[in-house]
Structures are given as C-alpha cells and as structure tokens.
PDB file of N, CA and C in Angstrom:
ATOM      1  N   MET A   1      -5.437   3.605   7.972  1.00  0.00           N
ATOM      2  CA  MET A   1      -4.601   2.737   7.172  1.00  0.00           C
ATOM      3  C   MET A   1      -4.137   1.582   8.064  1.00  0.00           C
ATOM      4  N   PRO A   2      -4.293   0.349   7.595  1.00  0.00           N
ATOM      5  CA  PRO A   2      -3.842  -0.781   8.405  1.00  0.00           C
ATOM      6  C   PRO A   2      -2.321  -0.814   8.507  1.00  0.00           C
ATOM      7  N   ASP A   3      -1.828  -1.468   9.556  1.00  0.00           N
ATOM      8  CA  ASP A   3      -0.388  -1.656   9.674  1.00  0.00           C
ATOM      9  C   ASP A   3      -0.099  -3.065  10.167  1.00  0.00           C
ATOM     10  N   MET A   4       1.151  -3.463  10.008  1.00  0.00           N
ATOM     11  CA  MET A   4       1.594  -4.797  10.384  1.00  0.00           C
ATOM     12  C   MET A   4       2.997  -4.693  10.959  1.00  0.00           C
ATOM     13  N   THR A   5       3.261  -5.483  11.988  1.00  0.00           N
ATOM     14  CA  THR A   5       4.563  -5.491  12.636  1.00  0.00           C
ATOM     15  C   THR A   5       5.198  -6.862  12.440  1.00  0.00           C
ATOM     16  N   GLY A   6       6.507  -6.869  12.201  1.00  0.00           N
ATOM     17  CA  GLY A   6       7.213  -8.129  12.049  1.00  0.00           C
ATOM     18  C   GLY A   6       8.685  -7.925  11.751  1.00  0.00           C
ATOM     19  N   ILE A   7       9.307  -9.000  11.271  1.00  0.00           N
ATOM     20  CA  ILE A   7      10.741  -9.038  10.985  1.00  0.00           C
ATOM     21  C   ILE A   7      10.956  -9.068   9.476  1.00  0.00           C
ATOM     22  N   VAL A   8      11.881  -8.245   8.979  1.00  0.00           N
ATOM     23  CA  VAL A   8      12.229  -8.256   7.559  1.00  0.00           C
ATOM     24  C   VAL A   8      13.139  -9.465   7.310  1.00  0.00           C
ATOM     25  N   VAL A   9      12.651 -10.426   6.530  1.00  0.00           N
ATOM     26  CA  VAL A   9      13.429 -11.640   6.289  1.00  0.00           C
ATOM     27  C   VAL A   9      14.045 -11.695   4.901  1.00  0.00           C
ATOM     28  N   ILE A  10      13.453 -10.983   3.939  1.00  0.00           N
ATOM     29  CA  ILE A  10      13.998 -10.955   2.574  1.00  0.00           C
ATOM     30  C   ILE A  10      13.819  -9.545   2.026  1.00  0.00           C
ATOM     31  N   ALA A  11      14.835  -9.041   1.334  1.00  0.00           N
ATOM     32  CA  ALA A  11      14.740  -7.759   0.628  1.00  0.00           C
ATOM     33  C   ALA A  11      15.345  -7.946  -0.757  1.00  0.00           C
ATOM     34  N   GLN A  12      14.632  -7.494  -1.768  1.00  0.00           N
ATOM     35  CA  GLN A  12      15.137  -7.577  -3.138  1.00  0.00           C
ATOM     36  C   GLN A  12      14.535  -6.431  -3.942  1.00  0.00           C
ATOM     37  N   GLU A  13      15.412  -5.574  -4.451  1.00  0.00           N
ATOM     38  CA  GLU A  13      15.001  -4.397  -5.209  1.00  0.00           C
ATOM     39  C   GLU A  13      13.980  -3.617  -4.397  1.00  0.00           C
ATOM     40  N   GLY A  14      12.805  -3.376  -4.873  1.00  0.00           N
ATOM     41  CA  GLY A  14      11.807  -2.597  -4.156  1.00  0.00           C
ATOM     42  C   GLY A  14      10.792  -3.445  -3.417  1.00  0.00           C
ATOM     43  N   ARG A  15      11.189  -4.691  -3.088  1.00  0.00           N
ATOM     44  CA  ARG A  15      10.268  -5.608  -2.419  1.00  0.00           C
ATOM     45  C   ARG A  15      10.880  -6.112  -1.123  1.00  0.00           C
ATOM     46  N   LEU A  16       9.997  -6.482  -0.200  1.00  0.00           N
ATOM     47  CA  LEU A  16      10.481  -7.117   1.018  1.00  0.00           C
ATOM     48  C   LEU A  16       9.452  -8.120   1.505  1.00  0.00           C
ATOM     49  N   GLN A  17       9.965  -9.118   2.218  1.00  0.00           N
ATOM     50  CA  GLN A  17       9.090 -10.101   2.851  1.00  0.00           C
ATOM     51  C   GLN A  17       9.149  -9.866   4.346  1.00  0.00           C
ATOM     52  N   LEU A  18       7.986  -9.753   4.949  1.00  0.00           N
ATOM     53  CA  LEU A  18       7.869  -9.517   6.375  1.00  0.00           C
ATOM     54  C   LEU A  18       7.244 -10.747   7.016  1.00  0.00           C
ATOM     55  N   MET A  19       7.880 -11.259   8.072  1.00  0.00           N
ATOM     56  CA  MET A  19       7.275 -12.333   8.849  1.00  0.00           C
ATOM     57  C   MET A  19       6.612 -11.698  10.059  1.00  0.00           C
ATOM     58  N   ASP A  20       5.289 -11.839  10.140  1.00  0.00           N
ATOM     59  CA  ASP A  20       4.559 -11.218  11.240  1.00  0.00           C
ATOM     60  C   ASP A  20       4.722 -12.010  12.534  1.00  0.00           C
ATOM     61  N   ASP A  21       4.122 -11.525  13.608  1.00  0.00           N
ATOM     62  CA  ASP A  21       4.287 -12.140  14.921  1.00  0.00           C
ATOM     63  C   ASP A  21       3.694 -13.541  14.999  1.00  0.00           C
ATOM     64  N   ALA A  22       2.793 -13.881  14.087  1.00  0.00           N
ATOM     65  CA  ALA A  22       2.204 -15.217  14.047  1.00  0.00           C
ATOM     66  C   ALA A  22       3.019 -16.174  13.169  1.00  0.00           C
ATOM     67  N   GLY A  23       4.117 -15.669  12.571  1.00  0.00           N
ATOM     68  CA  GLY A  23       4.954 -16.505  11.719  1.00  0.00           C
ATOM     69  C   GLY A  23       4.496 -16.587  10.280  1.00  0.00           C
ATOM     70  N   VAL A  24       3.559 -15.736   9.875  1.00  0.00           N
ATOM     71  CA  VAL A  24       3.052 -15.704   8.511  1.00  0.00           C
ATOM     72  C   VAL A  24       3.845 -14.685   7.709  1.00  0.00           C
ATOM     73  N   SER A  25       4.248 -15.057   6.493  1.00  0.00           N
ATOM     74  CA  SER A  25       5.024 -14.163   5.633  1.00  0.00           C
ATOM     75  C   SER A  25       4.116 -13.358   4.721  1.00  0.00           C
ATOM     76  N   HIS A  26       4.488 -12.099   4.488  1.00  0.00           N
ATOM     77  CA  HIS A  26       3.722 -11.192   3.640  1.00  0.00           C
ATOM     78  C   HIS A  26       4.678 -10.472   2.695  1.00  0.00           C
ATOM     79  N   LEU A  27       4.279 -10.331   1.436  1.00  0.00           N
ATOM     80  CA  LEU A  27       5.063  -9.619   0.435  1.00  0.00           C
ATOM     81  C   LEU A  27       4.625  -8.164   0.384  1.00  0.00           C
ATOM     82  N   PHE A  28       5.602  -7.252   0.453  1.00  0.00           N
ATOM     83  CA  PHE A  28       5.350  -5.820   0.349  1.00  0.00           C
ATOM     84  C   PHE A  28       6.149  -5.243  -0.802  1.00  0.00           C
ATOM     85  N   LEU A  29       5.547  -4.299  -1.496  1.00  0.00           N
ATOM     86  CA  LEU A  29       6.211  -3.514  -2.523  1.00  0.00           C
ATOM     87  C   LEU A  29       6.316  -2.099  -1.988  1.00  0.00           C
ATOM     88  N   LEU A  30       7.451  -1.436  -2.214  1.00  0.00           N
ATOM     89  CA  LEU A  30       7.595  -0.051  -1.760  1.00  0.00           C
ATOM     90  C   LEU A  30       6.661   0.851  -2.548  1.00  0.00           C
ATOM     91  N   GLY A  31       5.869   1.610  -1.839  1.00  0.00           N
ATOM     92  CA  GLY A  31       4.990   2.571  -2.481  1.00  0.00           C
ATOM     93  C   GLY A  31       5.748   3.855  -2.771  1.00  0.00           C
ATOM     94  N   PRO A  32       5.290   4.644  -3.734  1.00  0.00           N
ATOM     95  CA  PRO A  32       5.984   5.885  -4.083  1.00  0.00           C
ATOM     96  C   PRO A  32       5.993   6.909  -2.956  1.00  0.00           C
ATOM     97  N   SER A  33       5.058   6.813  -2.028  1.00  0.00           N
ATOM     98  CA  SER A  33       5.015   7.763  -0.918  1.00  0.00           C
ATOM     99  C   SER A  33       5.626   7.199   0.364  1.00  0.00           C
ATOM    100  N   SER A  34       6.299   6.058   0.278  1.00  0.00           N
ATOM    101  CA  SER A  34       6.834   5.394   1.475  1.00  0.00           C
ATOM    102  C   SER A  34       8.005   6.144   2.102  1.00  0.00           C
ATOM    103  N   GLY A  35       8.682   6.962   1.330  1.00  0.00           N
ATOM    104  CA  GLY A  35       9.843   7.676   1.849  1.00  0.00           C
ATOM    105  C   GLY A  35      11.079   6.800   1.954  1.00  0.00           C
ATOM    106  N   ALA A  36      11.018   5.595   1.412  1.00  0.00           N
ATOM    107  CA  ALA A  36      12.152   4.665   1.469  1.00  0.00           C
ATOM    108  C   ALA A  36      12.643   4.361   0.058  1.00  0.00           C
ATOM    109  N   GLU A  37      13.936   4.087  -0.034  1.00  0.00           N
ATOM    110  CA  GLU A  37      14.554   3.693  -1.299  1.00  0.00           C
ATOM    111  C   GLU A  37      14.877   2.206  -1.237  1.00  0.00           C
ATOM    112  N   PRO A  38      14.874   1.512  -2.370  1.00  0.00           N
ATOM    113  CA  PRO A  38      15.162   0.078  -2.357  1.00  0.00           C
ATOM    114  C   PRO A  38      16.463  -0.292  -1.645  1.00  0.00           C
ATOM    115  N   GLN A  39      17.514   0.503  -1.800  1.00  0.00           N
ATOM    116  CA  GLN A  39      18.799   0.166  -1.175  1.00  0.00           C
ATOM    117  C   GLN A  39      18.751   0.258   0.351  1.00  0.00           C
ATOM    118  N   GLN A  40      17.752   0.926   0.906  1.00  0.00           N
ATOM    119  CA  GLN A  40      17.608   1.011   2.359  1.00  0.00           C
ATOM    120  C   GLN A  40      17.032  -0.270   2.963  1.00  0.00           C
ATOM    121  N   LEU A  41      16.482  -1.134   2.127  1.00  0.00           N
ATOM    122  CA  LEU A  41      15.884  -2.370   2.630  1.00  0.00           C
ATOM    123  C   LEU A  41      16.929  -3.420   2.994  1.00  0.00           C
ATOM    124  N   TYR A  42      18.067  -3.435   2.295  1.00  0.00           N
ATOM    125  CA  TYR A  42      19.070  -4.493   2.508  1.00  0.00           C
ATOM    126  C   TYR A  42      19.633  -4.516   3.928  1.00  0.00           C
ATOM    127  N   PRO A  43      19.973  -3.377   4.532  1.00  0.00           N
ATOM    128  CA  PRO A  43      20.440  -3.422   5.923  1.00  0.00           C
ATOM    129  C   PRO A  43      19.368  -3.921   6.887  1.00  0.00           C
ATOM    130  N   LEU A  44      18.103  -3.620   6.605  1.00  0.00           N
ATOM    131  CA  LEU A  44      17.022  -4.116   7.460  1.00  0.00           C
ATOM    132  C   LEU A  44      16.943  -5.636   7.392  1.00  0.00           C
ATOM    133  N   GLN A  45      17.113  -6.172   6.209  1.00  0.00           N
ATOM    134  CA  GLN A  45      17.087  -7.631   6.051  1.00  0.00           C
ATOM    135  C   GLN A  45      18.321  -8.257   6.679  1.00  0.00           C
ATOM    136  N   ALA A  46      19.479  -7.651   6.503  1.00  0.00           N
ATOM    137  CA  ALA A  46      20.728  -8.219   7.021  1.00  0.00           C
ATOM    138  C   ALA A  46      20.698  -8.373   8.535  1.00  0.00           C
ATOM    139  N   ARG A  47      20.060  -7.449   9.216  1.00  0.00           N
ATOM    140  CA  ARG A  47      20.010  -7.550  10.682  1.00  0.00           C
ATOM    141  C   ARG A  47      18.677  -8.078  11.199  1.00  0.00           C
ATOM    142  N   GLN A  48      17.809  -8.512  10.253  1.00  0.00           N
ATOM    143  CA  GLN A  48      16.496  -9.059  10.626  1.00  0.00           C
ATOM    144  C   GLN A  48      15.743  -8.052  11.509  1.00  0.00           C
ATOM    145  N   ALA A  49      15.669  -6.816  11.036  1.00  0.00           N
ATOM    146  CA  ALA A  49      15.085  -5.714  11.798  1.00  0.00           C
ATOM    147  C   ALA A  49      13.588  -5.905  12.021  1.00  0.00           C
ATOM    148  N   ARG A  50      13.142  -5.454  13.165  1.00  0.00           N
ATOM    149  CA  ARG A  50      11.715  -5.442  13.488  1.00  0.00           C
ATOM    150  C   ARG A  50      11.160  -4.094  13.042  1.00  0.00           C
ATOM    151  N   VAL A  51      10.100  -4.127  12.228  1.00  0.00           N
ATOM    152  CA  VAL A  51       9.531  -2.909  11.658  1.00  0.00           C
ATOM    153  C   VAL A  51       8.002  -2.935  11.763  1.00  0.00           C
ATOM    154  N   ARG A  52       7.426  -1.756  11.621  1.00  0.00           N
ATOM    155  CA  ARG A  52       5.974  -1.618  11.476  1.00  0.00           C
ATOM    156  C   ARG A  52       5.740  -0.991  10.113  1.00  0.00           C
ATOM    157  N   ILE A  53       4.894  -1.615   9.319  1.00  0.00           N
ATOM    158  CA  ILE A  53       4.605  -1.117   7.975  1.00  0.00           C
ATOM    159  C   ILE A  53       3.130  -0.742   7.883  1.00  0.00           C
ATOM    160  N   ALA A  54       2.864   0.517   7.551  1.00  0.00           N
ATOM    161  CA  ALA A  54       1.515   0.959   7.210  1.00  0.00           C
ATOM    162  C   ALA A  54       1.351   0.663   5.724  1.00  0.00           C
ATOM    163  N   TYR A  55       0.243   0.059   5.352  1.00  0.00           N
ATOM    164  CA  TYR A  55       0.117  -0.419   3.974  1.00  0.00           C
ATOM    165  C   TYR A  55      -1.289  -0.229   3.419  1.00  0.00           C
ATOM    166  N   SER A  56      -1.366  -0.361   2.097  1.00  0.00           N
ATOM    167  CA  SER A  56      -2.649  -0.394   1.401  1.00  0.00           C
ATOM    168  C   SER A  56      -2.688  -1.674   0.584  1.00  0.00           C
ATOM    169  N   GLU A  57      -3.881  -2.029   0.127  1.00  0.00           N
ATOM    170  CA  GLU A  57      -4.073  -3.244  -0.661  1.00  0.00           C
ATOM    171  C   GLU A  57      -4.637  -2.863  -2.030  1.00  0.00           C
ATOM    172  N   PRO A  58      -3.766  -2.460  -2.950  1.00  0.00           N
ATOM    173  CA  PRO A  58      -4.263  -2.040  -4.264  1.00  0.00           C
ATOM    174  C   PRO A  58      -4.791  -3.235  -5.060  1.00  0.00           C
ATOM    175  N   PRO A  59      -5.807  -2.998  -5.890  1.00  0.00           N
ATOM    176  CA  PRO A  59      -6.318  -4.085  -6.727  1.00  0.00           C
ATOM    177  C   PRO A  59      -5.312  -4.448  -7.817  1.00  0.00           C
ATOM    178  N   HIS A  60      -5.337  -5.658  -8.236  1.00  0.00           N
ATOM    179  CA  HIS A  60      -4.525  -6.141  -9.360  1.00  0.00           C
ATOM    180  C   HIS A  60      -3.025  -6.117  -9.079  1.00  0.00           C
ATOM    181  N   VAL A  61      -2.633  -6.207  -7.799  1.00  0.00           N
ATOM    182  CA  VAL A  61      -1.221  -6.246  -7.430  1.00  0.00           C
ATOM    183  C   VAL A  61      -1.022  -7.458  -6.528  1.00  0.00           C
ATOM    184  N   ILE A  62       0.005  -8.237  -6.818  1.00  0.00           N
ATOM    185  CA  ILE A  62       0.326  -9.368  -5.955  1.00  0.00           C
ATOM    186  C   ILE A  62       1.202  -8.832  -4.840  1.00  0.00           C
ATOM    187  N   GLY A  63       0.646  -8.667  -3.686  1.00  0.00           N
ATOM    188  CA  GLY A  63       1.373  -8.134  -2.545  1.00  0.00           C
ATOM    189  C   GLY A  63       0.690  -6.890  -2.004  1.00  0.00           C
ATOM    190  N   LEU A  64       1.231  -6.394  -0.928  1.00  0.00           N
ATOM    191  CA  LEU A  64       0.722  -5.202  -0.264  1.00  0.00           C
ATOM    192  C   LEU A  64       1.637  -4.025  -0.579  1.00  0.00           C
ATOM    193  N   LEU A  65       1.111  -2.836  -0.592  1.00  0.00           N
ATOM    194  CA  LEU A  65       1.886  -1.646  -0.921  1.00  0.00           C
ATOM    195  C   LEU A  65       2.301  -0.938   0.366  1.00  0.00           C
ATOM    196  N   ALA A  66       3.602  -0.923   0.655  1.00  0.00           N
ATOM    197  CA  ALA A  66       4.130  -0.279   1.856  1.00  0.00           C
ATOM    198  C   ALA A  66       4.062   1.232   1.678  1.00  0.00           C
ATOM    199  N   GLU A  67       3.250   1.874   2.506  1.00  0.00           N
ATOM    200  CA  GLU A  67       3.087   3.321   2.439  1.00  0.00           C
ATOM    201  C   GLU A  67       4.029   4.035   3.409  1.00  0.00           C
ATOM    202  N   ARG A  68       4.374   3.368   4.518  1.00  0.00           N
ATOM    203  CA  ARG A  68       5.286   3.934   5.511  1.00  0.00           C
ATOM    204  C   ARG A  68       5.954   2.791   6.267  1.00  0.00           C
ATOM    205  N   ILE A  69       7.271   2.894   6.479  1.00  0.00           N
ATOM    206  CA  ILE A  69       8.006   1.873   7.223  1.00  0.00           C
ATOM    207  C   ILE A  69       8.651   2.542   8.434  1.00  0.00           C
ATOM    208  N   GLU A  70       8.401   1.978   9.597  1.00  0.00           N
ATOM    209  CA  GLU A  70       8.972   2.479  10.840  1.00  0.00           C
ATOM    210  C   GLU A  70       9.845   1.386  11.453  1.00  0.00           C
ATOM    211  N   VAL A  71      11.108   1.682  11.672  1.00  0.00           N
ATOM    212  CA  VAL A  71      12.016   0.720  12.294  1.00  0.00           C
ATOM    213  C   VAL A  71      11.781   0.765  13.802  1.00  0.00           C
ATOM    214  N   LEU A  72      11.510  -0.398  14.395  1.00  0.00           N
ATOM    215  CA  LEU A  72      11.183  -0.459  15.810  1.00  0.00           C
ATOM    216  C   LEU A  72      12.389  -0.753  16.674  1.00  0.00           C
ATOM    217  N   ASP A  73      13.403  -1.384  16.121  1.00  0.00           N
ATOM    218  CA  ASP A  73      14.622  -1.667  16.891  1.00  0.00           C
ATOM    219  C   ASP A  73      15.782  -0.935  16.251  1.00  0.00           C
ATOM    220  N   ALA A  74      16.402  -0.064  16.995  1.00  0.00           N
ATOM    221  CA  ALA A  74      17.523   0.714  16.464  1.00  0.00           C
ATOM    222  C   ALA A  74      18.747  -0.158  16.263  1.00  0.00           C
ATOM    223  N   GLU A  75      18.946  -1.135  17.106  1.00  0.00           N
ATOM    224  CA  GLU A  75      20.086  -2.050  17.016  1.00  0.00           C
ATOM    225  C   GLU A  75      19.571  -3.465  17.245  1.00  0.00           C
ATOM    226  N   PRO A  76      20.251  -4.465  16.673  1.00  0.00           N
ATOM    227  CA  PRO A  76      19.843  -5.844  16.929  1.00  0.00           C
ATOM    228  C   PRO A  76      19.965  -6.195  18.412  1.00  0.00           C
ATOM    229  N   ALA A  77      19.073  -7.038  18.871  1.00  0.00           N
ATOM    230  CA  ALA A  77      19.118  -7.453  20.281  1.00  0.00           C
ATOM    231  C   ALA A  77      20.350  -8.306  20.551  1.00  0.00           C
ATOM    232  N   ALA A  78      20.940  -8.148  21.735  1.00  0.00           N
ATOM    233  CA  ALA A  78      22.138  -8.902  22.094  1.00  0.00           C
ATOM    234  C   ALA A  78      21.769 -10.206  22.759  1.00  0.00           C
TER     235      ALA A  78
END
C-alpha cells in the first residue's frame, strides 16, 4: 500500500488536506478501516501535525482514501 508523508493543513468532517514534502496538496477521505474518527483530525490540523498516511486510490472518488494515519510528531516543534 502506498504512503505519503506531510503536514495536515486543513481538516473538515471526514476529509483532510495534506501538504507533502514537495509542497503539493492532496485531498484524503477517511476510510472505514482507518481507525480514525473525523473529530480526531481537527487537533492535527490545529497544530499542523506531520503525519504518514497509507492510502488507496479507489475509482470514481475525488481524492485518496486514508487507510491508516500515523502521527510522526508527538508535539509541535519549538
């Protein structure tokens, strides 16, 4: 399964926008097996958390499906 690392810049309901290391933004939708709830995305966006997302690319969906989200920074950098 492919994965992508970056910063969570926008969170809304079950969606998030991730800016990758090259500065490109990607739209992710929470997958049913992601183990995450929509309300858990807001703190990640508020602190601009660095995460790794394992994802799939389902047909007929605008965006990528987040299958697993791993937070890489426990606290924001000082």
